Protein backbone atom coordinates (compact mmCIF):
# COMPACT_ATOMS: atom_id res chain seq x y z
CA MET A 1 32.68 8.56 16.72
CA HIS A 2 29.61 9.77 18.40
CA ALA A 3 27.98 10.64 15.18
CA GLU A 4 29.04 7.39 14.02
CA LYS A 5 27.34 5.16 17.01
CA ALA A 6 24.19 7.73 16.61
CA ALA A 7 24.03 6.51 12.77
CA GLU A 8 24.28 3.14 13.56
CA GLN A 9 21.19 2.96 15.95
CA GLN A 10 19.12 4.78 13.66
CA MET A 11 19.55 2.10 10.83
CA PRO A 12 17.28 -0.52 10.64
CA SER A 13 18.19 -3.71 10.43
CA ARG A 14 18.58 -5.74 7.19
CA ASP A 15 15.00 -7.62 7.64
CA HIS A 16 12.97 -4.65 7.96
CA ALA A 17 15.12 -2.83 5.04
CA LEU A 18 13.81 -5.98 2.97
CA GLY A 19 10.42 -5.86 4.74
CA LEU A 20 9.70 -2.49 3.31
CA LEU A 21 11.13 -2.98 0.31
CA ARG A 22 8.75 -6.22 -0.25
CA GLN A 23 5.72 -3.71 0.84
CA MET A 24 6.91 -1.56 -1.57
CA MET A 25 7.30 -4.09 -4.71
CA LEU A 26 3.96 -5.69 -3.40
CA ILE A 27 2.17 -2.03 -3.77
CA ARG A 28 4.27 -1.57 -7.51
CA ARG A 29 3.04 -5.25 -8.42
CA PHE A 30 -0.73 -4.43 -7.39
CA GLU A 31 -1.07 -1.16 -8.84
CA GLU A 32 0.41 -2.49 -12.51
CA LYS A 33 -1.87 -5.53 -12.42
CA ALA A 34 -4.94 -2.92 -11.31
CA ALA A 35 -3.77 -0.76 -14.22
CA GLU A 36 -4.04 -4.01 -16.79
CA LEU A 37 -7.03 -5.01 -15.32
CA TYR A 38 -8.62 -1.44 -15.74
CA GLN A 39 -7.62 -1.10 -19.41
CA VAL A 40 -9.38 -4.25 -20.28
CA GLY A 41 -12.60 -3.23 -18.74
CA LYS A 42 -12.61 -5.23 -15.65
CA ILE A 43 -12.49 -2.71 -13.06
CA ARG A 44 -15.07 0.19 -13.61
CA GLY A 45 -15.23 3.53 -12.36
CA PHE A 46 -11.69 5.89 -11.84
CA LEU A 47 -8.40 4.25 -10.89
CA HIS A 48 -6.27 6.95 -9.58
CA LEU A 49 -2.55 4.83 -9.44
CA TYR A 50 -0.36 5.02 -6.53
CA ILE A 51 2.75 4.27 -8.98
CA GLY A 52 5.66 6.01 -7.79
CA GLU A 53 4.47 6.79 -4.62
CA GLU A 54 5.15 3.39 -2.72
CA ALA A 55 7.64 4.72 -0.50
CA VAL A 56 5.17 7.37 1.03
CA GLY A 57 2.73 4.89 2.18
CA VAL A 58 5.15 2.40 3.09
CA GLY A 59 7.12 5.17 5.11
CA ALA A 60 4.33 6.70 6.63
CA MET A 61 2.92 3.69 8.09
CA GLN A 62 6.29 3.11 10.04
CA ALA A 63 5.42 5.92 12.18
CA LEU A 64 1.96 5.08 13.14
CA GLY A 65 0.63 2.63 15.68
CA PRO A 66 -2.06 -0.24 15.19
CA GLU A 67 -4.51 2.44 17.05
CA ASP A 68 -3.55 5.13 14.78
CA ALA A 69 -6.55 5.83 12.13
CA ILE A 70 -5.61 6.30 8.40
CA VAL A 71 -8.05 8.56 6.13
CA ALA A 72 -7.59 8.89 2.33
CA THR A 73 -9.45 10.07 -0.29
CA TYR A 74 -7.43 9.58 -3.30
CA ARG A 75 -4.48 7.21 -4.75
CA ASP A 76 -5.14 5.17 -1.78
CA HIS A 77 -4.22 1.35 -2.34
CA GLY A 78 -0.78 2.07 -1.46
CA HIS A 79 -1.86 3.30 2.02
CA ALA A 80 -4.24 0.46 2.48
CA LEU A 81 -1.42 -2.36 1.10
CA ALA A 82 0.99 -0.97 3.31
CA ARG A 83 -0.95 -1.10 6.46
CA GLY A 84 -1.80 -4.55 6.33
CA ILE A 85 -5.03 -5.15 4.17
CA PRO A 86 -4.72 -8.34 2.04
CA ALA A 87 -4.25 -7.78 -1.71
CA GLY A 88 -7.05 -10.30 -2.24
CA THR A 89 -9.40 -8.04 -0.07
CA LEU A 90 -8.30 -5.27 -1.76
CA MET A 91 -8.68 -6.22 -5.45
CA ALA A 92 -12.16 -7.70 -4.69
CA GLU A 93 -13.28 -4.17 -3.66
CA MET A 94 -11.73 -3.00 -6.59
CA PHE A 95 -14.17 -5.56 -8.83
CA GLY A 96 -17.19 -4.59 -6.62
CA LYS A 97 -17.32 -8.20 -4.99
CA ALA A 98 -18.94 -8.49 -1.55
CA SER A 99 -15.38 -10.27 -0.34
CA GLY A 100 -13.80 -6.61 -0.55
CA CYS A 101 -12.59 -4.33 2.57
CA SER A 102 -15.67 -2.18 2.02
CA ARG A 103 -17.96 -5.07 0.58
CA GLY A 104 -17.53 -4.02 -2.35
CA ARG A 105 -19.11 -0.67 -2.27
CA GLY A 106 -16.21 1.43 -2.20
CA GLY A 107 -14.59 0.77 -5.57
CA SER A 108 -11.00 1.85 -6.54
């Protein structure tokens, strides 16, 4: 019985679990759109997709606090989205626009 109570305490709420799923789905859809735009030449430079790694970024962000810094150098779109950077701001960065999260200088 004690093990059952411990397992219950570790289970996230339904709302929390759905929120995590939504984040993973946002990342997947973002990456699919980025791949599409890259193929037609709208996104220039290199594009390293995060497809298949959505749970990594979403799960990792659950262990971090707002004061924790994140540094990523490769396949980092999912981390940025899971951390809360708006998809529009991130996509603007990939297009090289000044409204991007690095003022259009970072690219993918």
